[in-house]
Amino acid sequence: MSKPATTFEWAESIVLIHGLWFPGCLMALLARRLRRQGFNVCFFSYPSVRSDFTANAARLSRYLETLDADSVHLVGHSLGGILIRALFHLHPRQKPGRLVTLGAPHGGSQVAAHLSQYGFWRRVMGKEIAQLLAAEPQQWLPPPRDIGAICGTRSFGIGRLLVRHLPRPNDGLLTVKESAYPAAYEHLALPVSHTGMLFSRTVACQVAAFLKNGRFDP
């Protein structure tokens, strides 16, 4: 379950949104570093396997309505970044705020496409991945917000084991081409892996910079 919103009114809040199979607790260090930058930080948890983008976007929209803040920034890791786009596609009337995606499969996923050939993996990857591979997100209009996309270039992760010759640069699961988003205001490639970016101090600083200023720190 998502943590309840605080009763204290904040000018700016950040909602962190996890990816497929990733519990929100893996984003705790990122949350701590963002709090040190003066943000109120919340977590949104959702069933990333058994529910589709439509159901999870509705959950996210209801959760955001409970936040007492003037502006709400959204930061999504991996599939959480696509859920943010689903939110604005299906529930476009949201509070002001900027968006950052961390290693999100905006351009699909060769690793997921490879695994989807097998019935077991199709089941455990779930409904959102099926929608991703069917290119449904490609039909959505970009969110009307400042968007920053961070891509990893450290090729360390399960993707390298599952798909031979995964094109470089990649973060061990997604190529930079897959995690780039053409509609993003800025892109930033950093030497971090797909999961490692959640623990990177540099990533946290760059997320904070974009949320504050609409630009990554050069």
N, C-alpha and C. Protein backbone atom coordinates (compact mmCIF):
# COMPACT_ATOMS: atom_id res chain seq x y z
N MET A 1 0.84 -1.19 0.00
CA MET A 1 0.00 0.00 0.00
C MET A 1 0.89 1.25 0.00
N SER A 2 0.39 2.29 -0.64
CA SER A 2 1.11 3.55 -0.65
C SER A 2 1.05 4.19 0.73
N LYS A 3 2.11 4.90 1.08
CA LYS A 3 2.12 5.60 2.36
C LYS A 3 1.13 6.75 2.32
N PRO A 4 0.42 6.99 3.42
CA PRO A 4 -0.54 8.10 3.43
C PRO A 4 0.18 9.43 3.34
N ALA A 5 -0.51 10.39 2.75
CA ALA A 5 0.09 11.72 2.61
C ALA A 5 0.20 12.39 3.97
N THR A 6 1.21 13.23 4.12
CA THR A 6 1.36 13.98 5.35
C THR A 6 0.27 15.04 5.46
N THR A 7 -0.09 15.42 6.67
CA THR A 7 -1.09 16.46 6.86
C THR A 7 -0.47 17.85 6.81
N PHE A 8 0.85 17.91 6.79
CA PHE A 8 1.54 19.21 6.72
C PHE A 8 1.59 19.65 5.26
N GLU A 9 1.29 20.91 5.01
CA GLU A 9 1.28 21.40 3.63
C GLU A 9 2.69 21.78 3.20
N TRP A 10 3.12 21.22 2.07
CA TRP A 10 4.43 21.50 1.51
C TRP A 10 4.25 22.29 0.21
N ALA A 11 5.21 23.14 -0.09
CA ALA A 11 5.18 23.84 -1.37
C ALA A 11 5.45 22.86 -2.51
N GLU A 12 6.41 21.96 -2.29
CA GLU A 12 6.79 21.00 -3.33
C GLU A 12 6.93 19.61 -2.72
N SER A 13 6.37 18.64 -3.38
CA SER A 13 6.54 17.25 -2.98
C SER A 13 7.03 16.44 -4.18
N ILE A 14 7.72 15.38 -3.87
CA ILE A 14 8.17 14.43 -4.90
C ILE A 14 7.51 13.09 -4.61
N VAL A 15 7.01 12.45 -5.63
CA VAL A 15 6.50 11.09 -5.51
C VAL A 15 7.43 10.18 -6.31
N LEU A 16 8.02 9.20 -5.63
CA LEU A 16 8.89 8.22 -6.26
C LEU A 16 8.07 6.99 -6.64
N ILE A 17 8.26 6.52 -7.87
CA ILE A 17 7.45 5.42 -8.40
C ILE A 17 8.40 4.32 -8.87
N HIS A 18 8.27 3.15 -8.30
CA HIS A 18 9.18 2.04 -8.59
C HIS A 18 8.85 1.38 -9.92
N GLY A 19 9.70 0.45 -10.32
CA GLY A 19 9.51 -0.27 -11.57
C GLY A 19 9.03 -1.69 -11.34
N LEU A 20 9.09 -2.49 -12.39
CA LEU A 20 8.65 -3.88 -12.36
C LEU A 20 9.45 -4.67 -11.33
N TRP A 21 8.73 -5.37 -10.43
CA TRP A 21 9.30 -6.24 -9.40
C TRP A 21 10.05 -5.47 -8.32
N PHE A 22 10.29 -4.18 -8.48
CA PHE A 22 11.12 -3.43 -7.54
C PHE A 22 10.27 -2.90 -6.40
N PRO A 23 10.53 -3.30 -5.18
CA PRO A 23 9.80 -2.69 -4.05
C PRO A 23 10.25 -1.25 -3.86
N GLY A 24 9.34 -0.45 -3.33
CA GLY A 24 9.65 0.95 -3.12
C GLY A 24 10.83 1.19 -2.19
N CYS A 25 11.11 0.22 -1.32
CA CYS A 25 12.20 0.40 -0.36
C CYS A 25 13.56 0.55 -1.04
N LEU A 26 13.68 0.05 -2.28
CA LEU A 26 14.94 0.21 -3.00
C LEU A 26 15.21 1.68 -3.36
N MET A 27 14.18 2.51 -3.25
CA MET A 27 14.34 3.93 -3.56
C MET A 27 14.55 4.76 -2.29
N ALA A 28 14.73 4.10 -1.15
CA ALA A 28 14.84 4.80 0.13
C ALA A 28 16.06 5.72 0.19
N LEU A 29 17.20 5.28 -0.34
CA LEU A 29 18.39 6.12 -0.30
C LEU A 29 18.20 7.35 -1.19
N LEU A 30 17.61 7.15 -2.36
CA LEU A 30 17.30 8.28 -3.23
C LEU A 30 16.37 9.26 -2.52
N ALA A 31 15.37 8.72 -1.82
CA ALA A 31 14.43 9.57 -1.08
C ALA A 31 15.16 10.38 -0.01
N ARG A 32 16.07 9.75 0.72
CA ARG A 32 16.80 10.44 1.79
C ARG A 32 17.62 11.59 1.22
N ARG A 33 18.26 11.36 0.09
CA ARG A 33 19.08 12.41 -0.50
C ARG A 33 18.24 13.55 -1.03
N LEU A 34 17.05 13.25 -1.55
CA LEU A 34 16.18 14.31 -2.04
C LEU A 34 15.59 15.11 -0.89
N ARG A 35 15.33 14.44 0.24
CA ARG A 35 14.84 15.17 1.41
C ARG A 35 15.88 16.18 1.90
N ARG A 36 17.14 15.82 1.79
CA ARG A 36 18.20 16.74 2.19
C ARG A 36 18.24 17.98 1.30
N GLN A 37 17.64 17.87 0.13
CA GLN A 37 17.55 19.02 -0.78
C GLN A 37 16.32 19.87 -0.49
N GLY A 38 15.55 19.50 0.54
CA GLY A 38 14.43 20.32 0.96
C GLY A 38 13.07 19.88 0.46
N PHE A 39 13.01 18.72 -0.18
CA PHE A 39 11.74 18.23 -0.70
C PHE A 39 11.03 17.33 0.31
N ASN A 40 9.73 17.35 0.27
CA ASN A 40 8.94 16.30 0.92
C ASN A 40 8.86 15.15 -0.07
N VAL A 41 9.20 13.95 0.34
CA VAL A 41 9.27 12.81 -0.57
C VAL A 41 8.30 11.72 -0.12
N CYS A 42 7.51 11.22 -1.05
CA CYS A 42 6.55 10.15 -0.80
C CYS A 42 6.82 9.00 -1.76
N PHE A 43 6.30 7.84 -1.43
CA PHE A 43 6.41 6.67 -2.29
C PHE A 43 5.02 6.27 -2.78
N PHE A 44 4.96 5.84 -4.03
CA PHE A 44 3.74 5.24 -4.55
C PHE A 44 4.04 3.81 -4.95
N SER A 45 3.32 2.86 -4.36
CA SER A 45 3.48 1.45 -4.69
C SER A 45 2.25 0.95 -5.45
N TYR A 46 2.46 0.03 -6.34
CA TYR A 46 1.37 -0.46 -7.19
C TYR A 46 1.69 -1.89 -7.63
N PRO A 47 0.68 -2.66 -8.03
CA PRO A 47 0.91 -4.03 -8.50
C PRO A 47 1.42 -4.02 -9.94
N SER A 48 2.72 -4.10 -10.09
CA SER A 48 3.34 -3.91 -11.40
C SER A 48 3.17 -5.11 -12.32
N VAL A 49 2.74 -6.25 -11.79
CA VAL A 49 2.59 -7.45 -12.61
C VAL A 49 1.13 -7.73 -12.94
N ARG A 50 0.27 -7.73 -11.93
CA ARG A 50 -1.09 -8.21 -12.16
C ARG A 50 -2.04 -7.14 -12.70
N SER A 51 -1.66 -5.85 -12.64
CA SER A 51 -2.53 -4.80 -13.15
C SER A 51 -1.89 -4.12 -14.36
N ASP A 52 -2.74 -3.55 -15.21
CA ASP A 52 -2.24 -2.88 -16.40
C ASP A 52 -2.08 -1.38 -16.15
N PHE A 53 -1.63 -0.67 -17.19
CA PHE A 53 -1.39 0.76 -17.03
C PHE A 53 -2.66 1.53 -16.69
N THR A 54 -3.78 1.10 -17.24
CA THR A 54 -5.04 1.80 -16.98
C THR A 54 -5.39 1.77 -15.50
N ALA A 55 -5.34 0.58 -14.91
CA ALA A 55 -5.68 0.43 -13.49
C ALA A 55 -4.67 1.13 -12.61
N ASN A 56 -3.39 0.99 -12.92
CA ASN A 56 -2.37 1.60 -12.07
C ASN A 56 -2.33 3.12 -12.21
N ALA A 57 -2.62 3.63 -13.39
CA ALA A 57 -2.70 5.08 -13.55
C ALA A 57 -3.85 5.65 -12.73
N ALA A 58 -4.96 4.94 -12.67
CA ALA A 58 -6.09 5.38 -11.85
C ALA A 58 -5.71 5.38 -10.38
N ARG A 59 -4.98 4.36 -9.93
CA ARG A 59 -4.51 4.31 -8.55
C ARG A 59 -3.59 5.50 -8.25
N LEU A 60 -2.68 5.76 -9.18
CA LEU A 60 -1.73 6.85 -8.98
C LEU A 60 -2.46 8.20 -8.94
N SER A 61 -3.43 8.39 -9.81
CA SER A 61 -4.18 9.64 -9.82
C SER A 61 -4.91 9.86 -8.50
N ARG A 62 -5.52 8.80 -7.99
CA ARG A 62 -6.22 8.93 -6.70
C ARG A 62 -5.25 9.26 -5.58
N TYR A 63 -4.07 8.64 -5.61
CA TYR A 63 -3.07 8.91 -4.58
C TYR A 63 -2.61 10.36 -4.63
N LEU A 64 -2.37 10.86 -5.82
CA LEU A 64 -1.88 12.23 -5.96
C LEU A 64 -2.90 13.25 -5.46
N GLU A 65 -4.17 12.91 -5.55
CA GLU A 65 -5.20 13.81 -5.04
C GLU A 65 -5.12 13.99 -3.53
N THR A 66 -4.49 13.05 -2.83
CA THR A 66 -4.41 13.13 -1.37
C THR A 66 -3.25 14.01 -0.90
N LEU A 67 -2.37 14.40 -1.79
CA LEU A 67 -1.18 15.16 -1.39
C LEU A 67 -1.50 16.64 -1.25
N ASP A 68 -1.16 17.20 -0.11
CA ASP A 68 -1.40 18.60 0.15
C ASP A 68 -0.14 19.39 -0.17
N ALA A 69 0.03 19.69 -1.45
CA ALA A 69 1.22 20.40 -1.90
C ALA A 69 0.84 21.27 -3.09
N ASP A 70 1.54 22.39 -3.24
CA ASP A 70 1.27 23.29 -4.37
C ASP A 70 1.70 22.66 -5.69
N SER A 71 2.82 21.97 -5.67
CA SER A 71 3.29 21.29 -6.88
C SER A 71 3.78 19.90 -6.49
N VAL A 72 3.63 18.97 -7.40
CA VAL A 72 4.01 17.58 -7.16
C VAL A 72 4.87 17.11 -8.33
N HIS A 73 6.12 16.80 -8.04
CA HIS A 73 7.03 16.27 -9.04
C HIS A 73 6.96 14.74 -9.00
N LEU A 74 7.13 14.12 -10.15
CA LEU A 74 7.09 12.67 -10.24
C LEU A 74 8.41 12.15 -10.77
N VAL A 75 8.94 11.13 -10.09
CA VAL A 75 10.20 10.50 -10.50
C VAL A 75 9.93 9.01 -10.61
N GLY A 76 10.07 8.46 -11.82
CA GLY A 76 9.77 7.06 -12.05
C GLY A 76 10.98 6.29 -12.51
N HIS A 77 11.26 5.18 -11.83
CA HIS A 77 12.36 4.31 -12.23
C HIS A 77 11.82 3.19 -13.11
N SER A 78 12.50 2.92 -14.20
CA SER A 78 12.17 1.81 -15.09
C SER A 78 10.70 1.90 -15.54
N LEU A 79 9.91 0.86 -15.30
CA LEU A 79 8.52 0.88 -15.75
C LEU A 79 7.70 1.97 -15.07
N GLY A 80 8.17 2.44 -13.90
CA GLY A 80 7.49 3.55 -13.24
C GLY A 80 7.50 4.81 -14.09
N GLY A 81 8.51 4.98 -14.92
CA GLY A 81 8.54 6.13 -15.81
C GLY A 81 7.46 6.06 -16.87
N ILE A 82 7.14 4.86 -17.32
CA ILE A 82 6.06 4.69 -18.30
C ILE A 82 4.71 4.88 -17.63
N LEU A 83 4.60 4.48 -16.37
CA LEU A 83 3.36 4.70 -15.64
C LEU A 83 3.06 6.19 -15.51
N ILE A 84 4.09 7.01 -15.35
CA ILE A 84 3.89 8.46 -15.30
C ILE A 84 3.26 8.94 -16.61
N ARG A 85 3.76 8.43 -17.72
CA ARG A 85 3.17 8.83 -19.01
C ARG A 85 1.74 8.34 -19.13
N ALA A 86 1.46 7.15 -18.62
CA ALA A 86 0.08 6.63 -18.63
C ALA A 86 -0.84 7.52 -17.81
N LEU A 87 -0.33 8.02 -16.68
CA LEU A 87 -1.11 8.92 -15.84
C LEU A 87 -1.58 10.13 -16.63
N PHE A 88 -0.67 10.78 -17.34
CA PHE A 88 -1.03 12.00 -18.06
C PHE A 88 -1.86 11.70 -19.31
N HIS A 89 -1.71 10.50 -19.85
CA HIS A 89 -2.53 10.11 -20.99
C HIS A 89 -3.99 9.91 -20.56
N LEU A 90 -4.17 9.30 -19.39
CA LEU A 90 -5.52 8.94 -18.94
C LEU A 90 -6.12 9.94 -17.96
N HIS A 91 -5.28 10.62 -17.21
CA HIS A 91 -5.74 11.57 -16.19
C HIS A 91 -4.90 12.84 -16.29
N PRO A 92 -5.09 13.61 -17.33
CA PRO A 92 -4.17 14.73 -17.61
C PRO A 92 -4.25 15.90 -16.64
N ARG A 93 -5.33 16.03 -15.90
CA ARG A 93 -5.47 17.18 -15.00
C ARG A 93 -4.76 16.90 -13.69
N GLN A 94 -3.50 17.29 -13.62
CA GLN A 94 -2.67 17.06 -12.45
C GLN A 94 -2.08 18.38 -11.98
N LYS A 95 -1.61 18.40 -10.72
CA LYS A 95 -0.96 19.58 -10.18
C LYS A 95 0.32 19.89 -10.96
N PRO A 96 0.77 21.14 -10.91
CA PRO A 96 2.03 21.48 -11.58
C PRO A 96 3.18 20.66 -11.00
N GLY A 97 4.20 20.46 -11.81
CA GLY A 97 5.37 19.74 -11.35
C GLY A 97 6.18 19.23 -12.53
N ARG A 98 7.42 18.89 -12.26
CA ARG A 98 8.30 18.36 -13.29
C ARG A 98 8.38 16.84 -13.17
N LEU A 99 8.87 16.23 -14.25
CA LEU A 99 8.95 14.77 -14.32
C LEU A 99 10.36 14.34 -14.65
N VAL A 100 10.83 13.28 -13.98
CA VAL A 100 12.12 12.68 -14.30
C VAL A 100 11.94 11.18 -14.41
N THR A 101 12.45 10.60 -15.48
CA THR A 101 12.44 9.15 -15.62
C THR A 101 13.87 8.63 -15.49
N LEU A 102 14.01 7.52 -14.82
CA LEU A 102 15.32 6.89 -14.57
C LEU A 102 15.33 5.52 -15.24
N GLY A 103 16.04 5.40 -16.33
CA GLY A 103 16.12 4.11 -17.01
C GLY A 103 14.76 3.55 -17.38
N ALA A 104 13.90 4.38 -17.94
CA ALA A 104 12.56 3.94 -18.32
C ALA A 104 12.57 3.43 -19.76
N PRO A 105 11.85 2.36 -20.05
CA PRO A 105 11.88 1.77 -21.40
C PRO A 105 10.96 2.50 -22.38
N HIS A 106 11.24 3.78 -22.61
CA HIS A 106 10.40 4.56 -23.51
C HIS A 106 10.38 3.97 -24.92
N GLY A 107 11.49 3.41 -25.33
CA GLY A 107 11.59 2.85 -26.67
C GLY A 107 11.44 1.34 -26.71
N GLY A 108 10.79 0.77 -25.69
CA GLY A 108 10.65 -0.68 -25.63
C GLY A 108 11.82 -1.32 -24.92
N SER A 109 11.90 -2.64 -25.02
CA SER A 109 12.96 -3.37 -24.34
C SER A 109 13.27 -4.65 -25.09
N GLN A 110 14.48 -4.74 -25.61
CA GLN A 110 14.89 -5.96 -26.29
C GLN A 110 14.90 -7.15 -25.34
N VAL A 111 15.29 -6.90 -24.10
CA VAL A 111 15.34 -8.00 -23.13
C VAL A 111 13.93 -8.52 -22.86
N ALA A 112 12.97 -7.61 -22.63
CA ALA A 112 11.58 -8.03 -22.38
C ALA A 112 11.00 -8.73 -23.60
N ALA A 113 11.31 -8.23 -24.80
CA ALA A 113 10.80 -8.86 -26.02
C ALA A 113 11.34 -10.28 -26.16
N HIS A 114 12.60 -10.46 -25.80
CA HIS A 114 13.19 -11.81 -25.85
C HIS A 114 12.51 -12.73 -24.85
N LEU A 115 12.32 -12.26 -23.62
CA LEU A 115 11.72 -13.10 -22.59
C LEU A 115 10.25 -13.42 -22.88
N SER A 116 9.58 -12.52 -23.57
CA SER A 116 8.15 -12.72 -23.84
C SER A 116 7.88 -13.90 -24.76
N GLN A 117 8.92 -14.46 -25.35
CA GLN A 117 8.74 -15.66 -26.18
C GLN A 117 8.41 -16.88 -25.34
N TYR A 118 8.62 -16.78 -24.03
CA TYR A 118 8.43 -17.92 -23.14
C TYR A 118 7.26 -17.65 -22.20
N GLY A 119 6.35 -18.62 -22.10
CA GLY A 119 5.14 -18.46 -21.32
C GLY A 119 5.38 -18.08 -19.88
N PHE A 120 6.37 -18.68 -19.24
CA PHE A 120 6.66 -18.36 -17.84
C PHE A 120 6.99 -16.88 -17.69
N TRP A 121 7.88 -16.39 -18.53
CA TRP A 121 8.30 -15.00 -18.41
C TRP A 121 7.18 -14.04 -18.77
N ARG A 122 6.33 -14.40 -19.74
CA ARG A 122 5.19 -13.53 -20.04
C ARG A 122 4.31 -13.35 -18.81
N ARG A 123 4.12 -14.44 -18.05
CA ARG A 123 3.28 -14.35 -16.86
C ARG A 123 3.92 -13.51 -15.77
N VAL A 124 5.21 -13.72 -15.53
CA VAL A 124 5.84 -13.01 -14.42
C VAL A 124 6.16 -11.56 -14.76
N MET A 125 6.24 -11.23 -16.04
CA MET A 125 6.44 -9.82 -16.41
C MET A 125 5.13 -9.04 -16.35
N GLY A 126 4.02 -9.71 -16.60
CA GLY A 126 2.72 -9.10 -16.36
C GLY A 126 2.14 -8.25 -17.47
N LYS A 127 1.06 -7.56 -17.10
CA LYS A 127 0.22 -6.87 -18.08
C LYS A 127 0.86 -5.60 -18.62
N GLU A 128 1.55 -4.85 -17.78
CA GLU A 128 2.13 -3.60 -18.26
C GLU A 128 3.22 -3.86 -19.30
N ILE A 129 4.02 -4.89 -19.07
CA ILE A 129 5.06 -5.22 -20.05
C ILE A 129 4.41 -5.65 -21.36
N ALA A 130 3.32 -6.39 -21.28
CA ALA A 130 2.61 -6.78 -22.51
C ALA A 130 2.16 -5.54 -23.28
N GLN A 131 1.66 -4.54 -22.57
CA GLN A 131 1.25 -3.30 -23.23
C GLN A 131 2.45 -2.56 -23.82
N LEU A 132 3.56 -2.58 -23.08
CA LEU A 132 4.77 -1.93 -23.57
C LEU A 132 5.23 -2.57 -24.87
N LEU A 133 5.25 -3.90 -24.91
CA LEU A 133 5.72 -4.61 -26.09
C LEU A 133 4.74 -4.49 -27.25
N ALA A 134 3.48 -4.20 -26.94
CA ALA A 134 2.50 -3.94 -28.00
C ALA A 134 2.57 -2.50 -28.49
N ALA A 135 3.52 -1.74 -27.96
CA ALA A 135 3.78 -0.35 -28.36
C ALA A 135 2.62 0.59 -28.04
N GLU A 136 1.82 0.26 -27.04
CA GLU A 136 0.73 1.16 -26.66
C GLU A 136 1.23 2.53 -26.20
N PRO A 137 2.30 2.60 -25.41
CA PRO A 137 2.76 3.93 -24.98
C PRO A 137 3.18 4.83 -26.14
N GLN A 138 3.52 4.24 -27.28
CA GLN A 138 3.92 5.05 -28.43
C GLN A 138 2.75 5.88 -28.96
N GLN A 139 1.54 5.49 -28.61
CA GLN A 139 0.35 6.21 -29.09
C GLN A 139 -0.04 7.38 -28.18
N TRP A 140 0.61 7.49 -27.02
CA TRP A 140 0.23 8.52 -26.05
C TRP A 140 0.92 9.84 -26.37
N LEU A 141 0.19 10.93 -26.18
CA LEU A 141 0.80 12.25 -26.31
C LEU A 141 1.76 12.49 -25.14
N PRO A 142 2.82 13.24 -25.35
CA PRO A 142 3.75 13.53 -24.26
C PRO A 142 3.06 14.33 -23.15
N PRO A 143 3.41 14.08 -21.92
CA PRO A 143 2.87 14.89 -20.82
C PRO A 143 3.25 16.36 -21.00
N PRO A 144 2.33 17.28 -20.72
CA PRO A 144 2.63 18.70 -20.88
C PRO A 144 3.42 19.24 -19.68
N ARG A 145 4.58 18.71 -19.48
CA ARG A 145 5.42 19.06 -18.35
C ARG A 145 6.88 19.09 -18.80
N ASP A 146 7.74 19.75 -18.00
CA ASP A 146 9.18 19.62 -18.20
C ASP A 146 9.58 18.20 -17.84
N ILE A 147 10.25 17.53 -18.77
CA ILE A 147 10.60 16.12 -18.56
C ILE A 147 12.11 15.96 -18.74
N GLY A 148 12.73 15.30 -17.78
CA GLY A 148 14.13 14.94 -17.89
C GLY A 148 14.28 13.43 -17.87
N ALA A 149 15.14 12.91 -18.72
CA ALA A 149 15.34 11.46 -18.80
C ALA A 149 16.81 11.14 -18.51
N ILE A 150 17.03 10.31 -17.50
CA ILE A 150 18.38 9.86 -17.17
C ILE A 150 18.55 8.42 -17.67
N CYS A 151 19.64 8.19 -18.40
CA CYS A 151 19.95 6.88 -18.97
C CYS A 151 21.27 6.39 -18.38
N GLY A 152 21.37 5.09 -18.17
CA GLY A 152 22.60 4.51 -17.65
C GLY A 152 23.47 3.93 -18.75
N THR A 153 24.77 3.97 -18.54
CA THR A 153 25.72 3.44 -19.53
C THR A 153 26.63 2.37 -18.96
N ARG A 154 26.41 1.99 -17.68
CA ARG A 154 27.25 0.93 -17.10
C ARG A 154 26.58 -0.41 -17.38
N SER A 155 27.18 -1.19 -18.25
CA SER A 155 26.59 -2.43 -18.73
C SER A 155 26.77 -3.55 -17.72
N PHE A 156 25.95 -3.51 -16.68
CA PHE A 156 26.04 -4.50 -15.61
C PHE A 156 24.62 -4.85 -15.19
N GLY A 157 24.22 -6.10 -15.42
CA GLY A 157 22.87 -6.50 -15.05
C GLY A 157 22.43 -7.76 -15.76
N ILE A 158 21.24 -8.21 -15.41
CA ILE A 158 20.72 -9.47 -15.92
C ILE A 158 20.48 -9.45 -17.42
N GLY A 159 20.22 -8.26 -17.96
CA GLY A 159 19.94 -8.17 -19.39
C GLY A 159 21.08 -8.68 -20.25
N ARG A 160 22.31 -8.44 -19.81
CA ARG A 160 23.47 -8.90 -20.57
C ARG A 160 23.55 -10.41 -20.61
N LEU A 161 23.02 -11.06 -19.57
CA LEU A 161 23.05 -12.51 -19.52
C LEU A 161 21.93 -13.12 -20.35
N LEU A 162 20.82 -12.40 -20.46
CA LEU A 162 19.65 -12.94 -21.15
C LEU A 162 19.66 -12.66 -22.64
N VAL A 163 20.25 -11.57 -23.03
CA VAL A 163 20.31 -11.20 -24.45
C VAL A 163 21.77 -10.98 -24.84
N ARG A 164 22.26 -11.86 -25.64
CA ARG A 164 23.65 -11.72 -26.08
C ARG A 164 23.76 -10.55 -27.04
N HIS A 165 24.87 -9.87 -26.94
CA HIS A 165 25.16 -8.75 -27.83
C HIS A 165 24.14 -7.62 -27.69
N LEU A 166 23.70 -7.36 -26.45
CA LEU A 166 22.84 -6.20 -26.21
C LEU A 166 23.63 -4.96 -26.63
N PRO A 167 23.07 -4.16 -27.55
CA PRO A 167 23.84 -3.02 -28.08
C PRO A 167 24.30 -2.08 -26.98
N ARG A 168 25.48 -1.59 -27.14
CA ARG A 168 26.02 -0.58 -26.23
C ARG A 168 25.83 0.80 -26.83
N PRO A 169 25.73 1.81 -25.98
CA PRO A 169 25.77 1.76 -24.50
C PRO A 169 24.44 1.28 -23.94
N ASN A 170 24.54 0.57 -22.82
CA ASN A 170 23.35 0.09 -22.11
C ASN A 170 23.62 0.10 -20.62
N ASP A 171 22.55 -0.06 -19.85
CA ASP A 171 22.67 -0.05 -18.39
C ASP A 171 22.60 -1.44 -17.79
N GLY A 172 22.79 -2.45 -18.64
CA GLY A 172 22.69 -3.84 -18.20
C GLY A 172 21.32 -4.42 -18.43
N LEU A 173 20.34 -3.59 -18.76
CA LEU A 173 19.00 -4.05 -19.07
C LEU A 173 18.42 -3.34 -20.28
N LEU A 174 18.60 -2.03 -20.33
CA LEU A 174 18.09 -1.22 -21.43
C LEU A 174 19.23 -0.51 -22.13
N THR A 175 19.12 -0.38 -23.45
CA THR A 175 20.07 0.45 -24.17
C THR A 175 19.72 1.92 -23.93
N VAL A 176 20.69 2.78 -24.15
CA VAL A 176 20.43 4.21 -24.01
C VAL A 176 19.35 4.64 -25.00
N LYS A 177 19.35 4.05 -26.18
CA LYS A 177 18.32 4.39 -27.16
C LYS A 177 16.93 4.03 -26.64
N GLU A 178 16.81 2.92 -25.90
CA GLU A 178 15.52 2.51 -25.36
C GLU A 178 15.07 3.39 -24.20
N SER A 179 16.02 3.87 -23.41
CA SER A 179 15.64 4.67 -22.23
C SER A 179 15.58 6.17 -22.51
N ALA A 180 15.95 6.58 -23.73
CA ALA A 180 15.78 7.97 -24.12
C ALA A 180 14.32 8.22 -24.49
N TYR A 181 13.88 9.45 -24.29
CA TYR A 181 12.49 9.81 -24.59
C TYR A 181 12.51 11.03 -25.49
N PRO A 182 12.11 10.90 -26.74
CA PRO A 182 12.20 12.02 -27.68
C PRO A 182 11.53 13.30 -27.19
N ALA A 183 10.47 13.17 -26.39
CA ALA A 183 9.75 14.34 -25.92
C ALA A 183 10.39 14.99 -24.70
N ALA A 184 11.44 14.40 -24.16
CA ALA A 184 12.07 14.95 -22.96
C ALA A 184 12.75 16.28 -23.28
N TYR A 185 12.70 17.18 -22.31
CA TYR A 185 13.37 18.47 -22.46
C TYR A 185 14.88 18.29 -22.43
N GLU A 186 15.35 17.40 -21.59
CA GLU A 186 16.78 17.12 -21.50
C GLU A 186 17.00 15.64 -21.26
N HIS A 187 18.11 15.13 -21.81
CA HIS A 187 18.58 13.78 -21.53
C HIS A 187 19.94 13.86 -20.85
N LEU A 188 20.22 12.87 -20.03
CA LEU A 188 21.51 12.81 -19.36
C LEU A 188 21.93 11.34 -19.27
N ALA A 189 23.10 11.02 -19.81
CA ALA A 189 23.65 9.68 -19.72
C ALA A 189 24.73 9.66 -18.65
N LEU A 190 24.60 8.73 -17.70
CA LEU A 190 25.55 8.64 -16.59
C LEU A 190 26.08 7.22 -16.49
N PRO A 191 27.30 7.05 -15.98
CA PRO A 191 27.90 5.72 -15.86
C PRO A 191 27.34 4.93 -14.67
N VAL A 192 26.07 4.57 -14.77
CA VAL A 192 25.40 3.81 -13.72
C VAL A 192 24.63 2.68 -14.37
N SER A 193 24.39 1.62 -13.61
CA SER A 193 23.60 0.50 -14.12
C SER A 193 22.12 0.73 -13.85
N HIS A 194 21.30 -0.17 -14.37
CA HIS A 194 19.85 0.00 -14.28
C HIS A 194 19.38 0.08 -12.83
N THR A 195 19.86 -0.82 -11.99
CA THR A 195 19.50 -0.77 -10.58
C THR A 195 20.40 0.17 -9.80
N GLY A 196 21.67 0.24 -10.19
CA GLY A 196 22.63 1.07 -9.48
C GLY A 196 22.29 2.53 -9.48
N MET A 197 21.52 2.98 -10.47
CA MET A 197 21.19 4.41 -10.50
C MET A 197 20.36 4.83 -9.29
N LEU A 198 19.67 3.89 -8.66
CA LEU A 198 18.89 4.22 -7.47
C LEU A 198 19.76 4.52 -6.26
N PHE A 199 21.01 4.09 -6.31
CA PHE A 199 21.91 4.27 -5.17
C PHE A 199 23.01 5.29 -5.45
N SER A 200 22.94 5.93 -6.60
CA SER A 200 23.98 6.86 -7.02
C SER A 200 23.73 8.26 -6.46
N ARG A 201 24.75 8.81 -5.80
CA ARG A 201 24.64 10.18 -5.31
C ARG A 201 24.53 11.17 -6.47
N THR A 202 25.25 10.90 -7.55
CA THR A 202 25.19 11.79 -8.71
C THR A 202 23.80 11.82 -9.30
N VAL A 203 23.16 10.66 -9.42
CA VAL A 203 21.80 10.62 -9.95
C VAL A 203 20.86 11.43 -9.06
N ALA A 204 20.97 11.27 -7.75
CA ALA A 204 20.12 12.02 -6.82
C ALA A 204 20.31 13.52 -6.99
N CYS A 205 21.55 13.96 -7.11
CA CYS A 205 21.83 15.39 -7.28
C CYS A 205 21.26 15.90 -8.59
N GLN A 206 21.36 15.09 -9.64
CA GLN A 206 20.84 15.53 -10.94
C GLN A 206 19.31 15.56 -10.95
N VAL A 207 18.69 14.61 -10.27
CA VAL A 207 17.22 14.64 -10.15
C VAL A 207 16.80 15.91 -9.44
N ALA A 208 17.45 16.23 -8.33
CA ALA A 208 17.12 17.44 -7.58
C ALA A 208 17.33 18.69 -8.43
N ALA A 209 18.42 18.73 -9.19
CA ALA A 209 18.70 19.89 -10.03
C ALA A 209 17.60 20.09 -11.07
N PHE A 210 17.17 19.01 -11.69
CA PHE A 210 16.14 19.16 -12.72
C PHE A 210 14.81 19.57 -12.11
N LEU A 211 14.47 18.99 -10.97
CA LEU A 211 13.19 19.33 -10.35
C LEU A 211 13.17 20.79 -9.88
N LYS A 212 14.32 21.30 -9.47
CA LYS A 212 14.39 22.70 -9.01
C LYS A 212 14.44 23.69 -10.16
N ASN A 213 15.21 23.35 -11.20
CA ASN A 213 15.53 24.35 -12.22
C ASN A 213 15.05 24.00 -13.63
N GLY A 214 14.56 22.78 -13.82
CA GLY A 214 14.15 22.39 -15.16
C GLY A 214 15.29 22.02 -16.07
N ARG A 215 16.48 21.86 -15.50
CA ARG A 215 17.66 21.48 -16.26
C ARG A 215 18.57 20.62 -15.39
N PHE A 216 19.28 19.72 -16.03
CA PHE A 216 20.29 18.97 -15.30
C PHE A 216 21.51 19.87 -15.09
N ASP A 217 22.28 19.56 -14.06
CA ASP A 217 23.47 20.34 -13.73
C ASP A 217 24.59 19.97 -14.70
N PRO A 218 25.06 20.95 -15.46
CA PRO A 218 26.13 20.63 -16.44
C PRO A 218 27.45 20.32 -15.77
